[in-house]
Amino acid sequence: MTNKPETHYLNPKCAADYLSVSASTLKRLRVNGQGPCYAKAGGRVIYDSADLDAWVKTRKRNFTRQYDDP
């Protein structure tokens, strides 16, 4: 028997809480293609907590005036 890593799927509200942003901010990021990866299951948006963590890591900055690449 193999041990599979535990996966946590979150609905948009829980994902927004996890990221400490509003649900509307997370939706705007998703619509604009700037947010974390997501999947659709039965017509519903779901987020894998590992994808949320990975997205946050890509958003790290060393100083306040550091800009995103165009």
N, C-alpha and C. Protein backbone atom coordinates (compact mmCIF):
# COMPACT_ATOMS: atom_id res chain seq x y z
N MET A 1 0.84 -1.18 0.00
CA MET A 1 0.00 0.00 0.00
C MET A 1 0.89 1.24 0.00
N THR A 2 0.58 2.17 -0.90
CA THR A 2 1.37 3.39 -0.99
C THR A 2 0.70 4.51 -0.21
N ASN A 3 1.52 5.40 0.29
CA ASN A 3 1.01 6.56 1.01
C ASN A 3 0.91 7.73 0.05
N LYS A 4 -0.29 8.13 -0.27
CA LYS A 4 -0.49 9.29 -1.14
C LYS A 4 -0.48 10.55 -0.28
N PRO A 5 0.14 11.62 -0.78
CA PRO A 5 0.09 12.86 -0.01
C PRO A 5 -1.36 13.33 0.09
N GLU A 6 -1.69 13.89 1.22
CA GLU A 6 -3.05 14.37 1.44
C GLU A 6 -3.29 15.64 0.64
N THR A 7 -4.38 15.66 -0.11
CA THR A 7 -4.74 16.81 -0.92
C THR A 7 -5.94 17.49 -0.30
N HIS A 8 -5.89 18.80 -0.22
CA HIS A 8 -6.99 19.58 0.34
C HIS A 8 -7.56 20.47 -0.75
N TYR A 9 -8.81 20.23 -1.11
CA TYR A 9 -9.49 21.06 -2.09
C TYR A 9 -10.39 22.05 -1.36
N LEU A 10 -10.36 23.29 -1.82
CA LEU A 10 -11.10 24.36 -1.17
C LEU A 10 -12.03 25.04 -2.17
N ASN A 11 -13.20 25.44 -1.71
CA ASN A 11 -14.08 26.25 -2.55
C ASN A 11 -13.52 27.67 -2.56
N PRO A 12 -14.02 28.55 -3.44
CA PRO A 12 -13.45 29.90 -3.53
C PRO A 12 -13.45 30.69 -2.22
N LYS A 13 -14.51 30.60 -1.44
CA LYS A 13 -14.54 31.34 -0.17
C LYS A 13 -13.46 30.84 0.78
N CYS A 14 -13.34 29.52 0.92
CA CYS A 14 -12.30 28.96 1.80
C CYS A 14 -10.91 29.27 1.28
N ALA A 15 -10.74 29.23 -0.05
CA ALA A 15 -9.44 29.56 -0.64
C ALA A 15 -9.09 31.02 -0.37
N ALA A 16 -10.08 31.91 -0.49
CA ALA A 16 -9.85 33.33 -0.20
C ALA A 16 -9.45 33.52 1.26
N ASP A 17 -10.15 32.84 2.16
CA ASP A 17 -9.79 32.91 3.58
C ASP A 17 -8.37 32.39 3.81
N TYR A 18 -8.02 31.31 3.15
CA TYR A 18 -6.69 30.70 3.25
C TYR A 18 -5.61 31.71 2.84
N LEU A 19 -5.92 32.50 1.80
CA LEU A 19 -4.96 33.48 1.29
C LEU A 19 -5.07 34.85 1.96
N SER A 20 -6.05 35.01 2.83
CA SER A 20 -6.32 36.29 3.50
C SER A 20 -6.66 37.40 2.52
N VAL A 21 -7.47 37.05 1.52
CA VAL A 21 -8.00 38.03 0.57
C VAL A 21 -9.52 37.84 0.52
N SER A 22 -10.21 38.78 -0.08
CA SER A 22 -11.66 38.62 -0.21
C SER A 22 -11.98 37.66 -1.35
N ALA A 23 -13.16 37.08 -1.29
CA ALA A 23 -13.60 36.18 -2.36
C ALA A 23 -13.69 36.93 -3.68
N SER A 24 -14.09 38.20 -3.63
CA SER A 24 -14.18 38.97 -4.87
C SER A 24 -12.80 39.25 -5.47
N THR A 25 -11.81 39.46 -4.63
CA THR A 25 -10.44 39.64 -5.12
C THR A 25 -9.94 38.36 -5.78
N LEU A 26 -10.19 37.23 -5.16
CA LEU A 26 -9.77 35.95 -5.74
C LEU A 26 -10.47 35.72 -7.07
N LYS A 27 -11.75 36.05 -7.15
CA LYS A 27 -12.49 35.89 -8.41
C LYS A 27 -11.91 36.80 -9.49
N ARG A 28 -11.62 38.06 -9.15
CA ARG A 28 -11.04 38.99 -10.11
C ARG A 28 -9.71 38.47 -10.63
N LEU A 29 -8.88 37.96 -9.73
CA LEU A 29 -7.59 37.39 -10.14
C LEU A 29 -7.79 36.21 -11.08
N ARG A 30 -8.78 35.36 -10.78
CA ARG A 30 -9.06 34.19 -11.62
C ARG A 30 -9.54 34.63 -13.01
N VAL A 31 -10.46 35.57 -13.05
CA VAL A 31 -11.02 36.05 -14.32
C VAL A 31 -9.93 36.70 -15.18
N ASN A 32 -9.02 37.42 -14.54
CA ASN A 32 -7.94 38.10 -15.26
C ASN A 32 -6.73 37.21 -15.54
N GLY A 33 -6.78 35.96 -15.09
CA GLY A 33 -5.67 35.04 -15.34
C GLY A 33 -4.45 35.31 -14.48
N GLN A 34 -4.63 35.99 -13.36
CA GLN A 34 -3.50 36.35 -12.50
C GLN A 34 -3.47 35.57 -11.19
N GLY A 35 -4.48 34.78 -10.94
CA GLY A 35 -4.58 34.08 -9.67
C GLY A 35 -3.98 32.70 -9.70
N PRO A 36 -4.16 31.97 -8.62
CA PRO A 36 -3.64 30.61 -8.53
C PRO A 36 -4.39 29.65 -9.45
N CYS A 37 -3.77 28.53 -9.75
CA CYS A 37 -4.41 27.49 -10.56
C CYS A 37 -5.68 27.03 -9.86
N TYR A 38 -6.66 26.65 -10.66
CA TYR A 38 -7.91 26.13 -10.12
C TYR A 38 -8.43 25.05 -11.05
N ALA A 39 -9.42 24.33 -10.59
CA ALA A 39 -10.07 23.30 -11.41
C ALA A 39 -11.56 23.51 -11.32
N LYS A 40 -12.27 22.89 -12.26
CA LYS A 40 -13.73 22.91 -12.21
C LYS A 40 -14.18 21.48 -11.95
N ALA A 41 -15.04 21.31 -10.99
CA ALA A 41 -15.60 19.99 -10.66
C ALA A 41 -17.11 20.15 -10.57
N GLY A 42 -17.81 19.52 -11.49
CA GLY A 42 -19.26 19.65 -11.50
C GLY A 42 -19.72 21.07 -11.69
N GLY A 43 -18.96 21.85 -12.45
CA GLY A 43 -19.30 23.25 -12.69
C GLY A 43 -18.87 24.19 -11.58
N ARG A 44 -18.26 23.67 -10.54
CA ARG A 44 -17.81 24.50 -9.42
C ARG A 44 -16.30 24.68 -9.47
N VAL A 45 -15.86 25.85 -9.07
CA VAL A 45 -14.43 26.15 -8.99
C VAL A 45 -13.90 25.59 -7.68
N ILE A 46 -12.76 24.88 -7.77
CA ILE A 46 -12.08 24.39 -6.57
C ILE A 46 -10.60 24.69 -6.69
N TYR A 47 -9.97 24.84 -5.54
CA TYR A 47 -8.54 25.13 -5.46
C TYR A 47 -7.87 24.04 -4.64
N ASP A 48 -6.70 23.61 -5.10
CA ASP A 48 -5.86 22.70 -4.34
C ASP A 48 -4.98 23.56 -3.43
N SER A 49 -4.96 23.26 -2.15
CA SER A 49 -4.18 24.09 -1.21
C SER A 49 -2.70 24.13 -1.59
N ALA A 50 -2.18 23.07 -2.19
CA ALA A 50 -0.77 23.07 -2.63
C ALA A 50 -0.56 24.10 -3.74
N ASP A 51 -1.55 24.27 -4.63
CA ASP A 51 -1.46 25.28 -5.68
C ASP A 51 -1.52 26.69 -5.09
N LEU A 52 -2.31 26.86 -4.05
CA LEU A 52 -2.37 28.17 -3.39
C LEU A 52 -1.01 28.51 -2.77
N ASP A 53 -0.40 27.53 -2.11
CA ASP A 53 0.93 27.74 -1.51
C ASP A 53 1.96 28.07 -2.59
N ALA A 54 1.91 27.34 -3.70
CA ALA A 54 2.86 27.57 -4.80
C ALA A 54 2.67 28.97 -5.39
N TRP A 55 1.43 29.40 -5.53
CA TRP A 55 1.15 30.72 -6.08
C TRP A 55 1.69 31.81 -5.16
N VAL A 56 1.50 31.65 -3.87
CA VAL A 56 2.02 32.63 -2.91
C VAL A 56 3.53 32.72 -3.03
N LYS A 57 4.21 31.60 -3.18
CA LYS A 57 5.68 31.61 -3.31
C LYS A 57 6.12 32.40 -4.53
N THR A 58 5.34 32.38 -5.61
CA THR A 58 5.71 33.14 -6.81
C THR A 58 5.48 34.63 -6.63
N ARG A 59 4.74 35.02 -5.60
CA ARG A 59 4.41 36.42 -5.35
C ARG A 59 5.36 37.08 -4.36
N LYS A 60 6.36 36.36 -3.88
CA LYS A 60 7.29 36.92 -2.89
C LYS A 60 8.07 38.08 -3.49
N ARG A 61 8.33 39.06 -2.67
CA ARG A 61 9.08 40.24 -3.07
C ARG A 61 10.18 40.51 -2.06
N ASN A 62 11.26 41.13 -2.54
CA ASN A 62 12.36 41.50 -1.66
C ASN A 62 12.23 42.93 -1.15
N PHE A 63 11.49 43.76 -1.88
CA PHE A 63 11.29 45.13 -1.46
C PHE A 63 9.98 45.64 -2.06
N THR A 64 9.46 46.73 -1.54
CA THR A 64 8.11 47.17 -1.89
C THR A 64 7.97 47.69 -3.31
N ARG A 65 9.02 48.15 -3.92
CA ARG A 65 8.91 48.70 -5.27
C ARG A 65 9.22 47.69 -6.35
N GLN A 66 9.32 46.44 -6.00
CA GLN A 66 9.59 45.39 -6.98
C GLN A 66 8.32 45.13 -7.78
N TYR A 67 8.43 45.16 -9.11
CA TYR A 67 7.28 45.03 -9.98
C TYR A 67 7.21 43.64 -10.60
N ASP A 68 6.00 43.25 -11.02
CA ASP A 68 5.83 42.02 -11.77
C ASP A 68 6.43 42.20 -13.16
N ASP A 69 6.89 41.11 -13.76
CA ASP A 69 7.35 41.17 -15.14
C ASP A 69 6.15 41.42 -16.05
N PRO A 70 6.33 42.24 -17.09
CA PRO A 70 5.19 42.51 -18.00
C PRO A 70 4.77 41.29 -18.77
